[in-house]
Amino acid sequence: MGSMNPRTQAGGTTGGARIIGMGTGEGPGPDVMAAATLDGNKVLTSDGQHIGKISDIMLDVRGGYIAYAVLSSGGFLGMGDDLHAIPWSALTLDTDEKCFRLDVDAEAIKNAPGFDKDHWPSMADAQWGTSVHEYYHRRPYWLGDEGPYDDDAAASIEKPLL
């Protein structure tokens, strides 16, 4: 069976999170891991700020994609946290530091669209999803990897409903 390692595929783009570092630890990973393994991982911005942790990983069940990682930031002991849906493709797993890296600065996260634990958005809504992906300068995952990102085309293509 051939390798499924996305780090070695042509062009290096798979729509998934990038992986950097040499750390592998014991057991599965880093290319295939249990989602629960990633819950609680800290997230660092491009300016080195620790902005929170991964609280959930959201799956597009019908489409078979990891859609978003939910970043929990602020608050105290889980109360008053701000939640942000981060497109999975916007994250880089750093196996050496055992964290995720996000290619935006801390100020961008403060201004990012967010929600609270009692008022989650409809993540299957194409308009909402497109706006989140645009904020992080990522192609919506349901459009696939092919070709350049086109804002007009993204707005006209419907995402599969969950």
C-alpha atoms as a PDB file:
ATOM      1  CA  MET A   1       0.000   0.000   0.000  1.00  0.00           C
ATOM      2  CA  GLY A   2       1.335   3.474  -0.865  1.00  0.00           C
ATOM      3  CA  SER A   3       2.080   6.184   1.660  1.00  0.00           C
ATOM      4  CA  MET A   4      -0.728   8.508   2.683  1.00  0.00           C
ATOM      5  CA  ASN A   5       1.713  11.082   4.050  1.00  0.00           C
ATOM      6  CA  PRO A   6       0.357  14.511   2.970  1.00  0.00           C
ATOM      7  CA  ARG A   7       3.791  16.025   3.534  1.00  0.00           C
ATOM      8  CA  THR A   8       5.119  14.105   0.541  1.00  0.00           C
ATOM      9  CA  GLN A   9       2.273  14.538  -1.915  1.00  0.00           C
ATOM     10  CA  ALA A  10       2.932  16.609  -5.019  1.00  0.00           C
ATOM     11  CA  GLY A  11       2.552  20.315  -4.382  1.00  0.00           C
ATOM     12  CA  GLY A  12       2.190  19.777  -0.638  1.00  0.00           C
ATOM     13  CA  THR A  13      -1.453  20.905  -0.644  1.00  0.00           C
ATOM     14  CA  THR A  14      -4.068  18.540   0.652  1.00  0.00           C
ATOM     15  CA  GLY A  15      -6.625  20.840   2.262  1.00  0.00           C
ATOM     16  CA  GLY A  16      -5.541  19.482   5.628  1.00  0.00           C
ATOM     17  CA  ALA A  17      -3.406  20.885   8.394  1.00  0.00           C
ATOM     18  CA  ARG A  18       0.312  21.041   7.665  1.00  0.00           C
ATOM     19  CA  ILE A  19       2.702  19.134   9.936  1.00  0.00           C
ATOM     20  CA  ILE A  20       6.125  20.393  10.970  1.00  0.00           C
ATOM     21  CA  GLY A  21       8.725  19.033  13.364  1.00  0.00           C
ATOM     22  CA  MET A  22      10.398  15.732  13.917  1.00  0.00           C
ATOM     23  CA  GLY A  23       8.445  14.613  16.994  1.00  0.00           C
ATOM     24  CA  THR A  24       6.424  11.460  16.605  1.00  0.00           C
ATOM     25  CA  GLY A  25       6.047  10.087  20.136  1.00  0.00           C
ATOM     26  CA  GLU A  26       4.683   6.605  20.654  1.00  0.00           C
ATOM     27  CA  GLY A  27       1.663   5.155  18.929  1.00  0.00           C
ATOM     28  CA  PRO A  28      -0.147   6.587  15.937  1.00  0.00           C
ATOM     29  CA  GLY A  29       0.646   9.984  14.545  1.00  0.00           C
ATOM     30  CA  PRO A  30       1.356  12.503  13.474  1.00  0.00           C
ATOM     31  CA  ASP A  31      -0.201  11.716  10.085  1.00  0.00           C
ATOM     32  CA  VAL A  32      -3.176   9.763  11.474  1.00  0.00           C
ATOM     33  CA  MET A  33      -4.361  10.552  14.998  1.00  0.00           C
ATOM     34  CA  ALA A  34      -7.439  10.315  17.179  1.00  0.00           C
ATOM     35  CA  ALA A  35      -9.230  13.679  17.293  1.00  0.00           C
ATOM     36  CA  ALA A  36      -9.352  13.517  21.088  1.00  0.00           C
ATOM     37  CA  THR A  37      -5.529  13.511  21.103  1.00  0.00           C
ATOM     38  CA  LEU A  38      -5.604  17.068  19.740  1.00  0.00           C
ATOM     39  CA  ASP A  39      -8.197  18.487  22.149  1.00  0.00           C
ATOM     40  CA  GLY A  40      -6.512  20.815  24.596  1.00  0.00           C
ATOM     41  CA  ASN A  41      -3.495  21.511  22.381  1.00  0.00           C
ATOM     42  CA  LYS A  42      -2.366  25.118  22.677  1.00  0.00           C
ATOM     43  CA  VAL A  43      -2.502  27.426  19.659  1.00  0.00           C
ATOM     44  CA  LEU A  44       0.253  29.932  18.914  1.00  0.00           C
ATOM     45  CA  THR A  45      -0.045  32.872  16.514  1.00  0.00           C
ATOM     46  CA  SER A  46       2.528  34.020  13.973  1.00  0.00           C
ATOM     47  CA  ASP A  47       3.766  36.576  16.530  1.00  0.00           C
ATOM     48  CA  GLY A  48       4.328  33.825  19.107  1.00  0.00           C
ATOM     49  CA  GLN A  49       1.312  34.544  21.321  1.00  0.00           C
ATOM     50  CA  HIS A  50      -0.465  31.677  23.081  1.00  0.00           C
ATOM     51  CA  ILE A  51      -4.078  32.523  22.217  1.00  0.00           C
ATOM     52  CA  GLY A  52      -5.950  29.535  23.548  1.00  0.00           C
ATOM     53  CA  LYS A  53      -6.455  25.839  23.019  1.00  0.00           C
ATOM     54  CA  ILE A  54      -8.332  23.468  20.751  1.00  0.00           C
ATOM     55  CA  SER A  55     -11.633  22.570  22.405  1.00  0.00           C
ATOM     56  CA  ASP A  56     -13.333  20.638  19.588  1.00  0.00           C
ATOM     57  CA  ILE A  57     -12.676  19.273  16.142  1.00  0.00           C
ATOM     58  CA  MET A  58     -15.655  19.596  13.832  1.00  0.00           C
ATOM     59  CA  LEU A  59     -16.277  17.004  11.136  1.00  0.00           C
ATOM     60  CA  ASP A  60     -18.229  17.406   7.924  1.00  0.00           C
ATOM     61  CA  VAL A  61     -19.771  13.967   8.317  1.00  0.00           C
ATOM     62  CA  ARG A  62     -21.377  13.704   4.860  1.00  0.00           C
ATOM     63  CA  GLY A  63     -18.398  15.170   3.029  1.00  0.00           C
ATOM     64  CA  GLY A  64     -15.786  13.223   4.965  1.00  0.00           C
ATOM     65  CA  TYR A  65     -13.678  16.251   5.907  1.00  0.00           C
ATOM     66  CA  ILE A  66     -12.253  17.776   9.028  1.00  0.00           C
ATOM     67  CA  ALA A  67     -13.962  21.138   8.696  1.00  0.00           C
ATOM     68  CA  TYR A  68     -12.835  23.261  11.640  1.00  0.00           C
ATOM     69  CA  ALA A  69     -10.932  23.240  14.873  1.00  0.00           C
ATOM     70  CA  VAL A  70     -12.701  25.235  17.572  1.00  0.00           C
ATOM     71  CA  LEU A  71     -10.315  27.561  19.382  1.00  0.00           C
ATOM     72  CA  SER A  72     -11.246  28.405  22.967  1.00  0.00           C
ATOM     73  CA  SER A  73      -9.659  31.617  24.210  1.00  0.00           C
ATOM     74  CA  GLY A  74     -10.063  33.991  27.115  1.00  0.00           C
ATOM     75  CA  GLY A  75     -12.311  33.194  30.034  1.00  0.00           C
ATOM     76  CA  PHE A  76     -11.349  31.421  33.215  1.00  0.00           C
ATOM     77  CA  LEU A  77     -11.657  27.677  33.849  1.00  0.00           C
ATOM     78  CA  GLY A  78     -13.834  27.291  30.760  1.00  0.00           C
ATOM     79  CA  MET A  79     -16.277  30.045  31.749  1.00  0.00           C
ATOM     80  CA  GLY A  80     -16.612  33.097  29.540  1.00  0.00           C
ATOM     81  CA  ASP A  81     -14.460  31.609  26.788  1.00  0.00           C
ATOM     82  CA  ASP A  82     -14.628  33.063  23.303  1.00  0.00           C
ATOM     83  CA  LEU A  83     -14.882  30.358  20.656  1.00  0.00           C
ATOM     84  CA  HIS A  84     -13.590  30.672  17.105  1.00  0.00           C
ATOM     85  CA  ALA A  85     -13.976  28.214  14.230  1.00  0.00           C
ATOM     86  CA  ILE A  86     -10.580  27.941  12.553  1.00  0.00           C
ATOM     87  CA  PRO A  87     -10.482  26.283   9.114  1.00  0.00           C
ATOM     88  CA  TRP A  88      -8.517  23.075   9.505  1.00  0.00           C
ATOM     89  CA  SER A  89      -6.273  24.041   6.578  1.00  0.00           C
ATOM     90  CA  ALA A  90      -5.227  27.240   8.408  1.00  0.00           C
ATOM     91  CA  LEU A  91      -3.498  25.240  11.150  1.00  0.00           C
ATOM     92  CA  THR A  92      -0.044  23.716  11.296  1.00  0.00           C
ATOM     93  CA  LEU A  93       0.636  20.929  13.780  1.00  0.00           C
ATOM     94  CA  ASP A  94       4.051  21.445  15.389  1.00  0.00           C
ATOM     95  CA  THR A  95       5.061  18.004  16.649  1.00  0.00           C
ATOM     96  CA  ASP A  96       8.204  19.305  18.389  1.00  0.00           C
ATOM     97  CA  GLU A  97       6.333  21.885  20.478  1.00  0.00           C
ATOM     98  CA  LYS A  98       3.128  19.796  20.684  1.00  0.00           C
ATOM     99  CA  CYS A  99       0.958  22.714  19.624  1.00  0.00           C
ATOM    100  CA  PHE A 100      -0.838  24.185  16.640  1.00  0.00           C
ATOM    101  CA  ARG A 101       0.461  27.246  14.844  1.00  0.00           C
ATOM    102  CA  LEU A 102      -1.862  29.692  13.131  1.00  0.00           C
ATOM    103  CA  ASP A 103      -0.523  32.051  10.466  1.00  0.00           C
ATOM    104  CA  VAL A 104      -2.208  35.191  11.801  1.00  0.00           C
ATOM    105  CA  ASP A 105      -1.184  37.532  14.600  1.00  0.00           C
ATOM    106  CA  ALA A 106      -2.897  37.740  17.980  1.00  0.00           C
ATOM    107  CA  GLU A 107      -4.724  40.943  17.016  1.00  0.00           C
ATOM    108  CA  ALA A 108      -6.401  39.139  14.098  1.00  0.00           C
ATOM    109  CA  ILE A 109      -7.827  36.568  16.515  1.00  0.00           C
ATOM    110  CA  LYS A 110      -9.204  39.314  18.754  1.00  0.00           C
ATOM    111  CA  ASN A 111     -11.097  40.642  15.720  1.00  0.00           C
ATOM    112  CA  ALA A 112     -12.042  37.227  14.295  1.00  0.00           C
ATOM    113  CA  PRO A 113     -15.665  36.131  14.020  1.00  0.00           C
ATOM    114  CA  GLY A 114     -16.527  34.147  17.110  1.00  0.00           C
ATOM    115  CA  PHE A 115     -19.329  32.707  19.201  1.00  0.00           C
ATOM    116  CA  ASP A 116     -19.982  31.477  22.720  1.00  0.00           C
ATOM    117  CA  LYS A 117     -20.705  27.991  24.028  1.00  0.00           C
ATOM    118  CA  ASP A 118     -24.457  28.635  24.150  1.00  0.00           C
ATOM    119  CA  HIS A 119     -24.803  30.166  20.657  1.00  0.00           C
ATOM    120  CA  TRP A 120     -22.995  28.084  18.061  1.00  0.00           C
ATOM    121  CA  PRO A 121     -23.331  29.093  14.411  1.00  0.00           C
ATOM    122  CA  SER A 122     -24.805  26.785  11.804  1.00  0.00           C
ATOM    123  CA  MET A 123     -21.494  25.417  10.565  1.00  0.00           C
ATOM    124  CA  ALA A 124     -23.190  23.699   7.608  1.00  0.00           C
ATOM    125  CA  ASP A 125     -24.284  27.084   6.235  1.00  0.00           C
ATOM    126  CA  ALA A 126     -22.242  27.900   3.110  1.00  0.00           C
ATOM    127  CA  GLN A 127     -22.416  31.665   3.622  1.00  0.00           C
ATOM    128  CA  TRP A 128     -21.131  31.410   7.191  1.00  0.00           C
ATOM    129  CA  GLY A 129     -18.436  28.909   6.177  1.00  0.00           C
ATOM    130  CA  THR A 130     -17.275  31.000   3.250  1.00  0.00           C
ATOM    131  CA  SER A 131     -16.918  34.102   5.444  1.00  0.00           C
ATOM    132  CA  VAL A 132     -14.852  32.184   8.028  1.00  0.00           C
ATOM    133  CA  HIS A 133     -12.561  30.763   5.355  1.00  0.00           C
ATOM    134  CA  GLU A 134     -12.169  34.182   3.738  1.00  0.00           C
ATOM    135  CA  TYR A 135     -11.212  35.721   7.102  1.00  0.00           C
ATOM    136  CA  TYR A 136      -8.331  33.246   7.394  1.00  0.00           C
ATOM    137  CA  HIS A 137      -7.471  33.523   3.666  1.00  0.00           C
ATOM    138  CA  ARG A 138      -8.249  29.884   3.008  1.00  0.00           C
ATOM    139  CA  ARG A 139     -10.154  28.168   0.237  1.00  0.00           C
ATOM    140  CA  PRO A 140     -13.347  26.614   1.644  1.00  0.00           C
ATOM    141  CA  TYR A 141     -12.661  22.926   2.154  1.00  0.00           C
ATOM    142  CA  TRP A 142     -15.797  21.841   0.258  1.00  0.00           C
ATOM    143  CA  LEU A 143     -14.419  23.431  -2.932  1.00  0.00           C
ATOM    144  CA  GLY A 144     -11.444  21.043  -2.973  1.00  0.00           C
ATOM    145  CA  ASP A 145      -7.786  21.774  -3.632  1.00  0.00           C
ATOM    146  CA  GLU A 146      -7.954  22.415  -7.334  1.00  0.00           C
ATOM    147  CA  GLY A 147      -7.332  25.835  -8.848  1.00  0.00           C
ATOM    148  CA  PRO A 148      -7.118  29.309  -7.358  1.00  0.00           C
ATOM    149  CA  TYR A 149      -9.535  30.583  -4.763  1.00  0.00           C
ATOM    150  CA  ASP A 150     -12.288  32.669  -6.392  1.00  0.00           C
ATOM    151  CA  ASP A 151     -14.554  34.613  -3.992  1.00  0.00           C
ATOM    152  CA  ASP A 152     -17.421  34.829  -6.513  1.00  0.00           C
ATOM    153  CA  ALA A 153     -17.296  31.116  -7.303  1.00  0.00           C
ATOM    154  CA  ALA A 154     -17.155  30.239  -3.594  1.00  0.00           C
ATOM    155  CA  ALA A 155     -20.284  32.248  -2.875  1.00  0.00           C
ATOM    156  CA  SER A 156     -22.230  30.502  -5.641  1.00  0.00           C
ATOM    157  CA  ILE A 157     -21.344  26.899  -4.757  1.00  0.00           C
ATOM    158  CA  GLU A 158     -23.436  25.214  -2.111  1.00  0.00           C
ATOM    159  CA  LYS A 159     -21.770  23.250   0.627  1.00  0.00           C
ATOM    160  CA  PRO A 160     -23.117  19.812   1.516  1.00  0.00           C
ATOM    161  CA  LEU A 161     -25.540  19.997   4.436  1.00  0.00           C
ATOM    162  CA  LEU A 162     -24.692  17.941   7.492  1.00  0.00           C
END
